[in-house]
Amino acid sequence: MNKTSAIQWLKIAYHDLQSAIILYEANHYTDSIGNDLQQAIEKILKSLFAFKNQKIPKTHNLYELYDAVDDIKLEDYELDYLDMATEYLKDDRYPNPNYFLPPKEEIKEVLDFTNDLMGKVCKILNIDKKELK
């Protein structure tokens, strides 16, 4: 087990999550908030691989990452958040026919999910959230 590596991943995820919270509270653009949320979820999930000294998959698809770990079980509605958040990270963030601003209500749901996920993973790995600040 590699708690140090997991903490490193979770610290960066915590930074992304805190950025998303600050931007949300400032009523900032939802596409920017969504990008931070996608990155936070990705790093939270990758911390589970790091903890076990497993090779970390090189994917941004959150459902693929979740599907590859067996440490955490999400409800069906939570899997929808993984799909939503995966869409927030665009390889091409320039305006194109597929560019969109996620609704603020959706962003709030994904933000709350991300915060809960952080807590669940910290509990699984026996990491105090204070260690991430």
N, C-alpha and C. Protein backbone atom coordinates (compact mmCIF):
# COMPACT_ATOMS: atom_id res chain seq x y z
N MET A 1 0.84 -1.19 0.00
CA MET A 1 0.00 0.00 0.00
C MET A 1 0.88 1.25 0.00
N ASN A 2 0.42 2.27 -0.71
CA ASN A 2 1.21 3.48 -0.85
C ASN A 2 0.34 4.69 -0.50
N LYS A 3 0.20 4.93 0.78
CA LYS A 3 -0.63 6.02 1.26
C LYS A 3 -0.08 7.38 0.82
N THR A 4 1.24 7.51 0.79
CA THR A 4 1.86 8.78 0.39
C THR A 4 1.47 9.17 -1.03
N SER A 5 1.53 8.22 -1.95
CA SER A 5 1.16 8.49 -3.34
C SER A 5 -0.33 8.84 -3.45
N ALA A 6 -1.16 8.12 -2.72
CA ALA A 6 -2.60 8.40 -2.75
C ALA A 6 -2.87 9.81 -2.24
N ILE A 7 -2.19 10.21 -1.18
CA ILE A 7 -2.36 11.56 -0.63
C ILE A 7 -1.95 12.60 -1.66
N GLN A 8 -0.87 12.35 -2.40
CA GLN A 8 -0.44 13.30 -3.43
C GLN A 8 -1.53 13.50 -4.48
N TRP A 9 -2.13 12.41 -4.94
CA TRP A 9 -3.23 12.50 -5.91
C TRP A 9 -4.41 13.24 -5.31
N LEU A 10 -4.74 12.92 -4.07
CA LEU A 10 -5.90 13.54 -3.44
C LEU A 10 -5.68 15.02 -3.14
N LYS A 11 -4.45 15.41 -2.85
CA LYS A 11 -4.17 16.83 -2.62
C LYS A 11 -4.46 17.64 -3.88
N ILE A 12 -4.02 17.14 -5.01
CA ILE A 12 -4.27 17.86 -6.27
C ILE A 12 -5.76 17.85 -6.59
N ALA A 13 -6.42 16.74 -6.32
CA ALA A 13 -7.87 16.66 -6.51
C ALA A 13 -8.58 17.67 -5.61
N TYR A 14 -8.10 17.78 -4.38
CA TYR A 14 -8.67 18.73 -3.42
C TYR A 14 -8.54 20.16 -3.95
N HIS A 15 -7.40 20.48 -4.54
CA HIS A 15 -7.20 21.82 -5.11
C HIS A 15 -8.22 22.07 -6.23
N ASP A 16 -8.40 21.08 -7.10
CA ASP A 16 -9.37 21.22 -8.19
C ASP A 16 -10.79 21.40 -7.63
N LEU A 17 -11.12 20.62 -6.62
CA LEU A 17 -12.45 20.71 -6.02
C LEU A 17 -12.65 22.07 -5.35
N GLN A 18 -11.66 22.55 -4.63
CA GLN A 18 -11.78 23.86 -3.98
C GLN A 18 -11.91 24.97 -5.02
N SER A 19 -11.19 24.85 -6.12
CA SER A 19 -11.32 25.83 -7.21
C SER A 19 -12.75 25.83 -7.75
N ALA A 20 -13.30 24.65 -7.95
CA ALA A 20 -14.67 24.53 -8.46
C ALA A 20 -15.66 25.17 -7.49
N ILE A 21 -15.46 24.95 -6.20
CA ILE A 21 -16.36 25.52 -5.19
C ILE A 21 -16.29 27.05 -5.22
N ILE A 22 -15.08 27.59 -5.25
CA ILE A 22 -14.91 29.04 -5.28
C ILE A 22 -15.54 29.64 -6.53
N LEU A 23 -15.31 29.00 -7.68
CA LEU A 23 -15.88 29.50 -8.93
C LEU A 23 -17.40 29.41 -8.92
N TYR A 24 -17.93 28.32 -8.36
CA TYR A 24 -19.38 28.17 -8.28
C TYR A 24 -19.98 29.27 -7.40
N GLU A 25 -19.38 29.50 -6.25
CA GLU A 25 -19.89 30.54 -5.33
C GLU A 25 -19.77 31.93 -5.93
N ALA A 26 -18.82 32.12 -6.85
CA ALA A 26 -18.65 33.41 -7.52
C ALA A 26 -19.53 33.52 -8.76
N ASN A 27 -20.36 32.51 -8.99
CA ASN A 27 -21.25 32.48 -10.16
C ASN A 27 -20.46 32.58 -11.47
N HIS A 28 -19.33 31.87 -11.50
CA HIS A 28 -18.45 31.87 -12.67
C HIS A 28 -19.02 30.98 -13.77
N TYR A 29 -18.35 30.93 -14.88
CA TYR A 29 -18.80 30.15 -16.04
C TYR A 29 -18.79 28.66 -15.71
N THR A 30 -19.89 28.00 -16.05
CA THR A 30 -20.05 26.60 -15.68
C THR A 30 -19.11 25.67 -16.44
N ASP A 31 -18.67 26.07 -17.62
CA ASP A 31 -17.73 25.20 -18.34
C ASP A 31 -16.39 25.13 -17.62
N SER A 32 -15.96 26.24 -17.04
CA SER A 32 -14.71 26.24 -16.27
C SER A 32 -14.85 25.43 -14.98
N ILE A 33 -15.99 25.57 -14.33
CA ILE A 33 -16.24 24.81 -13.10
C ILE A 33 -16.28 23.32 -13.43
N GLY A 34 -16.96 22.98 -14.51
CA GLY A 34 -17.06 21.59 -14.93
C GLY A 34 -15.71 20.98 -15.21
N ASN A 35 -14.82 21.74 -15.82
CA ASN A 35 -13.47 21.25 -16.10
C ASN A 35 -12.75 20.90 -14.80
N ASP A 36 -12.86 21.79 -13.80
CA ASP A 36 -12.23 21.52 -12.50
C ASP A 36 -12.85 20.29 -11.84
N LEU A 37 -14.16 20.13 -11.96
CA LEU A 37 -14.82 18.97 -11.36
C LEU A 37 -14.38 17.68 -12.02
N GLN A 38 -14.28 17.69 -13.35
CA GLN A 38 -13.82 16.49 -14.05
C GLN A 38 -12.43 16.12 -13.57
N GLN A 39 -11.56 17.11 -13.47
CA GLN A 39 -10.20 16.85 -13.04
C GLN A 39 -10.15 16.33 -11.60
N ALA A 40 -10.98 16.89 -10.74
CA ALA A 40 -11.01 16.43 -9.34
C ALA A 40 -11.45 14.97 -9.27
N ILE A 41 -12.52 14.63 -9.97
CA ILE A 41 -13.02 13.25 -9.93
C ILE A 41 -11.97 12.29 -10.50
N GLU A 42 -11.35 12.68 -11.59
CA GLU A 42 -10.33 11.83 -12.21
C GLU A 42 -9.21 11.53 -11.21
N LYS A 43 -8.74 12.55 -10.53
CA LYS A 43 -7.62 12.37 -9.59
C LYS A 43 -8.05 11.61 -8.34
N ILE A 44 -9.29 11.82 -7.91
CA ILE A 44 -9.80 11.05 -6.77
C ILE A 44 -9.79 9.57 -7.12
N LEU A 45 -10.30 9.22 -8.28
CA LEU A 45 -10.33 7.81 -8.69
C LEU A 45 -8.92 7.26 -8.89
N LYS A 46 -8.04 8.07 -9.46
CA LYS A 46 -6.67 7.60 -9.69
C LYS A 46 -5.91 7.40 -8.38
N SER A 47 -6.34 8.08 -7.31
CA SER A 47 -5.69 7.88 -6.01
C SER A 47 -5.88 6.44 -5.53
N LEU A 48 -6.97 5.81 -5.93
CA LEU A 48 -7.21 4.41 -5.54
C LEU A 48 -6.19 3.48 -6.19
N PHE A 49 -5.82 3.78 -7.42
CA PHE A 49 -4.77 3.00 -8.09
C PHE A 49 -3.42 3.25 -7.42
N ALA A 50 -3.15 4.53 -7.14
CA ALA A 50 -1.88 4.90 -6.52
C ALA A 50 -1.71 4.22 -5.17
N PHE A 51 -2.79 4.16 -4.40
CA PHE A 51 -2.74 3.54 -3.08
C PHE A 51 -2.28 2.08 -3.16
N LYS A 52 -2.72 1.40 -4.21
CA LYS A 52 -2.39 -0.03 -4.38
C LYS A 52 -1.14 -0.24 -5.23
N ASN A 53 -0.42 0.83 -5.54
CA ASN A 53 0.76 0.75 -6.41
C ASN A 53 0.45 0.11 -7.75
N GLN A 54 -0.75 0.36 -8.25
CA GLN A 54 -1.15 -0.16 -9.55
C GLN A 54 -0.86 0.87 -10.63
N LYS A 55 -0.70 0.38 -11.84
CA LYS A 55 -0.51 1.28 -12.97
C LYS A 55 -1.76 2.14 -13.11
N ILE A 56 -1.54 3.43 -13.24
CA ILE A 56 -2.66 4.36 -13.35
C ILE A 56 -3.05 4.49 -14.82
N PRO A 57 -4.30 4.17 -15.12
CA PRO A 57 -4.75 4.24 -16.53
C PRO A 57 -4.63 5.66 -17.08
N LYS A 58 -4.22 5.74 -18.32
CA LYS A 58 -4.10 7.04 -18.99
C LYS A 58 -5.39 7.31 -19.75
N THR A 59 -6.42 7.62 -19.00
CA THR A 59 -7.71 7.97 -19.60
C THR A 59 -8.33 9.08 -18.79
N HIS A 60 -9.14 9.87 -19.46
CA HIS A 60 -9.91 10.91 -18.79
C HIS A 60 -11.37 10.49 -18.63
N ASN A 61 -11.70 9.31 -19.14
CA ASN A 61 -13.06 8.81 -19.05
C ASN A 61 -13.30 8.31 -17.63
N LEU A 62 -14.15 9.01 -16.91
CA LEU A 62 -14.36 8.72 -15.50
C LEU A 62 -15.06 7.38 -15.27
N TYR A 63 -15.95 7.02 -16.16
CA TYR A 63 -16.62 5.73 -16.00
C TYR A 63 -15.62 4.59 -16.19
N GLU A 64 -14.70 4.73 -17.14
CA GLU A 64 -13.67 3.70 -17.36
C GLU A 64 -12.80 3.56 -16.10
N LEU A 65 -12.43 4.68 -15.51
CA LEU A 65 -11.62 4.63 -14.29
C LEU A 65 -12.40 3.96 -13.17
N TYR A 66 -13.64 4.36 -12.99
CA TYR A 66 -14.47 3.75 -11.94
C TYR A 66 -14.62 2.26 -12.17
N ASP A 67 -14.84 1.88 -13.41
CA ASP A 67 -15.05 0.47 -13.75
C ASP A 67 -13.81 -0.37 -13.46
N ALA A 68 -12.65 0.26 -13.44
CA ALA A 68 -11.39 -0.47 -13.24
C ALA A 68 -11.01 -0.61 -11.76
N VAL A 69 -11.73 0.08 -10.87
CA VAL A 69 -11.44 -0.04 -9.44
C VAL A 69 -12.53 -0.88 -8.78
N ASP A 70 -12.17 -1.56 -7.71
CA ASP A 70 -13.16 -2.36 -7.02
C ASP A 70 -13.33 -1.93 -5.56
N ASP A 71 -12.79 -0.77 -5.23
CA ASP A 71 -12.81 -0.31 -3.85
C ASP A 71 -14.07 0.45 -3.48
N ILE A 72 -14.78 0.92 -4.48
CA ILE A 72 -15.91 1.80 -4.21
C ILE A 72 -17.09 1.39 -5.08
N LYS A 73 -18.27 1.48 -4.50
CA LYS A 73 -19.49 1.13 -5.23
C LYS A 73 -20.37 2.36 -5.27
N LEU A 74 -20.72 2.79 -6.48
CA LEU A 74 -21.58 3.94 -6.66
C LEU A 74 -22.98 3.50 -7.07
N GLU A 75 -23.94 4.31 -6.73
CA GLU A 75 -25.32 4.08 -7.15
C GLU A 75 -25.47 4.43 -8.63
N ASP A 76 -26.52 3.91 -9.25
CA ASP A 76 -26.74 4.16 -10.69
C ASP A 76 -26.80 5.65 -11.00
N TYR A 77 -27.50 6.42 -10.17
CA TYR A 77 -27.61 7.85 -10.44
C TYR A 77 -26.25 8.54 -10.32
N GLU A 78 -25.35 8.01 -9.49
CA GLU A 78 -24.02 8.58 -9.36
C GLU A 78 -23.17 8.30 -10.60
N LEU A 79 -23.43 7.18 -11.24
CA LEU A 79 -22.73 6.86 -12.49
C LEU A 79 -23.07 7.90 -13.55
N ASP A 80 -24.29 8.42 -13.51
CA ASP A 80 -24.66 9.49 -14.44
C ASP A 80 -23.77 10.71 -14.25
N TYR A 81 -23.41 10.99 -13.00
CA TYR A 81 -22.52 12.13 -12.74
C TYR A 81 -21.13 11.91 -13.36
N LEU A 82 -20.67 10.66 -13.33
CA LEU A 82 -19.39 10.36 -13.97
C LEU A 82 -19.45 10.65 -15.47
N ASP A 83 -20.55 10.24 -16.09
CA ASP A 83 -20.71 10.49 -17.53
C ASP A 83 -20.80 11.99 -17.81
N MET A 84 -21.57 12.72 -17.01
CA MET A 84 -21.69 14.17 -17.19
C MET A 84 -20.33 14.83 -17.07
N ALA A 85 -19.62 14.50 -16.00
CA ALA A 85 -18.33 15.14 -15.73
C ALA A 85 -17.30 14.80 -16.79
N THR A 86 -17.35 13.59 -17.34
CA THR A 86 -16.43 13.23 -18.42
C THR A 86 -16.62 14.19 -19.60
N GLU A 87 -17.86 14.57 -19.85
CA GLU A 87 -18.16 15.48 -20.96
C GLU A 87 -17.64 16.90 -20.71
N TYR A 88 -17.41 17.25 -19.46
CA TYR A 88 -16.93 18.60 -19.15
C TYR A 88 -15.51 18.83 -19.61
N LEU A 89 -14.72 17.78 -19.71
CA LEU A 89 -13.33 17.93 -20.15
C LEU A 89 -13.30 17.71 -21.65
N LYS A 90 -13.03 18.74 -22.36
CA LYS A 90 -13.00 18.67 -23.81
C LYS A 90 -11.55 18.72 -24.29
N ASP A 91 -11.21 17.82 -25.19
CA ASP A 91 -9.89 17.89 -25.81
C ASP A 91 -9.77 19.19 -26.59
N ASP A 92 -10.87 19.59 -27.20
CA ASP A 92 -10.91 20.82 -27.98
C ASP A 92 -11.87 21.77 -27.28
N ARG A 93 -11.34 22.70 -26.50
CA ARG A 93 -12.21 23.60 -25.74
C ARG A 93 -12.58 24.84 -26.53
N TYR A 94 -12.25 24.87 -27.81
CA TYR A 94 -12.62 26.01 -28.63
C TYR A 94 -14.05 25.86 -29.09
N PRO A 95 -14.69 26.97 -29.40
CA PRO A 95 -16.09 26.88 -29.86
C PRO A 95 -16.22 25.96 -31.07
N ASN A 96 -17.15 25.08 -30.96
CA ASN A 96 -17.49 24.17 -32.06
C ASN A 96 -18.94 23.77 -31.85
N PRO A 97 -19.53 23.01 -32.76
CA PRO A 97 -20.95 22.67 -32.61
C PRO A 97 -21.27 21.88 -31.33
N ASN A 98 -20.28 21.26 -30.71
CA ASN A 98 -20.53 20.46 -29.50
C ASN A 98 -20.20 21.21 -28.21
N TYR A 99 -19.79 22.47 -28.30
CA TYR A 99 -19.41 23.25 -27.12
C TYR A 99 -20.68 23.70 -26.39
N PHE A 100 -20.69 23.57 -25.06
CA PHE A 100 -21.87 23.95 -24.30
C PHE A 100 -21.48 24.43 -22.91
N LEU A 101 -22.36 25.19 -22.32
CA LEU A 101 -22.24 25.59 -20.93
C LEU A 101 -23.20 24.71 -20.13
N PRO A 102 -22.68 23.87 -19.26
CA PRO A 102 -23.57 23.02 -18.46
C PRO A 102 -24.49 23.88 -17.59
N PRO A 103 -25.73 23.43 -17.39
CA PRO A 103 -26.64 24.18 -16.52
C PRO A 103 -26.09 24.27 -15.09
N LYS A 104 -26.31 25.40 -14.45
CA LYS A 104 -25.80 25.62 -13.10
C LYS A 104 -26.32 24.58 -12.11
N GLU A 105 -27.57 24.15 -12.26
CA GLU A 105 -28.14 23.14 -11.36
C GLU A 105 -27.40 21.81 -11.51
N GLU A 106 -27.06 21.47 -12.74
CA GLU A 106 -26.30 20.23 -12.99
C GLU A 106 -24.91 20.32 -12.36
N ILE A 107 -24.28 21.46 -12.56
CA ILE A 107 -22.94 21.67 -11.99
C ILE A 107 -22.99 21.52 -10.47
N LYS A 108 -24.03 22.05 -9.84
CA LYS A 108 -24.16 21.93 -8.37
C LYS A 108 -24.29 20.47 -7.96
N GLU A 109 -25.05 19.69 -8.70
CA GLU A 109 -25.20 18.27 -8.38
C GLU A 109 -23.87 17.53 -8.52
N VAL A 110 -23.14 17.82 -9.58
CA VAL A 110 -21.85 17.16 -9.79
C VAL A 110 -20.84 17.64 -8.75
N LEU A 111 -20.91 18.90 -8.37
CA LEU A 111 -20.03 19.42 -7.32
C LEU A 111 -20.30 18.70 -6.00
N ASP A 112 -21.55 18.55 -5.64
CA ASP A 112 -21.90 17.85 -4.40
C ASP A 112 -21.46 16.39 -4.46
N PHE A 113 -21.65 15.76 -5.62
CA PHE A 113 -21.21 14.37 -5.80
C PHE A 113 -19.70 14.27 -5.63
N THR A 114 -18.96 15.20 -6.22
CA THR A 114 -17.49 15.19 -6.14
C THR A 114 -17.03 15.34 -4.70
N ASN A 115 -17.66 16.22 -3.97
CA ASN A 115 -17.33 16.41 -2.57
C ASN A 115 -17.60 15.13 -1.77
N ASP A 116 -18.74 14.50 -2.04
CA ASP A 116 -19.06 13.22 -1.37
C ASP A 116 -18.07 12.13 -1.75
N LEU A 117 -17.71 12.08 -3.03
CA LEU A 117 -16.76 11.07 -3.49
C LEU A 117 -15.41 11.24 -2.79
N MET A 118 -14.99 12.47 -2.65
CA MET A 118 -13.72 12.75 -1.94
C MET A 118 -13.80 12.18 -0.53
N GLY A 119 -14.91 12.42 0.15
CA GLY A 119 -15.08 11.91 1.51
C GLY A 119 -15.08 10.39 1.56
N LYS A 120 -15.75 9.75 0.60
CA LYS A 120 -15.82 8.28 0.56
C LYS A 120 -14.43 7.68 0.35
N VAL A 121 -13.69 8.25 -0.59
CA VAL A 121 -12.37 7.70 -0.90
C VAL A 121 -11.41 7.94 0.26
N CYS A 122 -11.47 9.11 0.88
CA CYS A 122 -10.63 9.36 2.06
C CYS A 122 -10.94 8.34 3.15
N LYS A 123 -12.22 8.03 3.34
CA LYS A 123 -12.60 7.05 4.36
C LYS A 123 -12.07 5.66 4.00
N ILE A 124 -12.22 5.26 2.74
CA ILE A 124 -11.73 3.95 2.29
C ILE A 124 -10.23 3.83 2.53
N LEU A 125 -9.49 4.89 2.23
CA LEU A 125 -8.02 4.87 2.32
C LEU A 125 -7.53 5.28 3.71
N ASN A 126 -8.46 5.58 4.61
CA ASN A 126 -8.11 5.99 5.97
C ASN A 126 -7.22 7.23 5.95
N ILE A 127 -7.66 8.23 5.20
CA ILE A 127 -6.94 9.49 5.07
C ILE A 127 -7.83 10.61 5.61
N ASP A 128 -7.28 11.38 6.52
CA ASP A 128 -8.00 12.52 7.07
C ASP A 128 -7.94 13.66 6.05
N LYS A 129 -9.09 14.26 5.74
CA LYS A 129 -9.13 15.36 4.76
C LYS A 129 -8.21 16.51 5.15
N LYS A 130 -7.90 16.63 6.43
CA LYS A 130 -6.98 17.68 6.89
C LYS A 130 -5.59 17.50 6.28
N GLU A 131 -5.25 16.24 5.94
CA GLU A 131 -3.94 15.97 5.33
C GLU A 131 -3.84 16.50 3.92
N LEU A 132 -4.96 16.91 3.33
CA LEU A 132 -4.98 17.34 1.94
C LEU A 132 -4.81 18.85 1.80
N LYS A 133 -4.90 19.56 2.90
CA LYS A 133 -4.83 21.04 2.83
C LYS A 133 -3.40 21.51 2.79
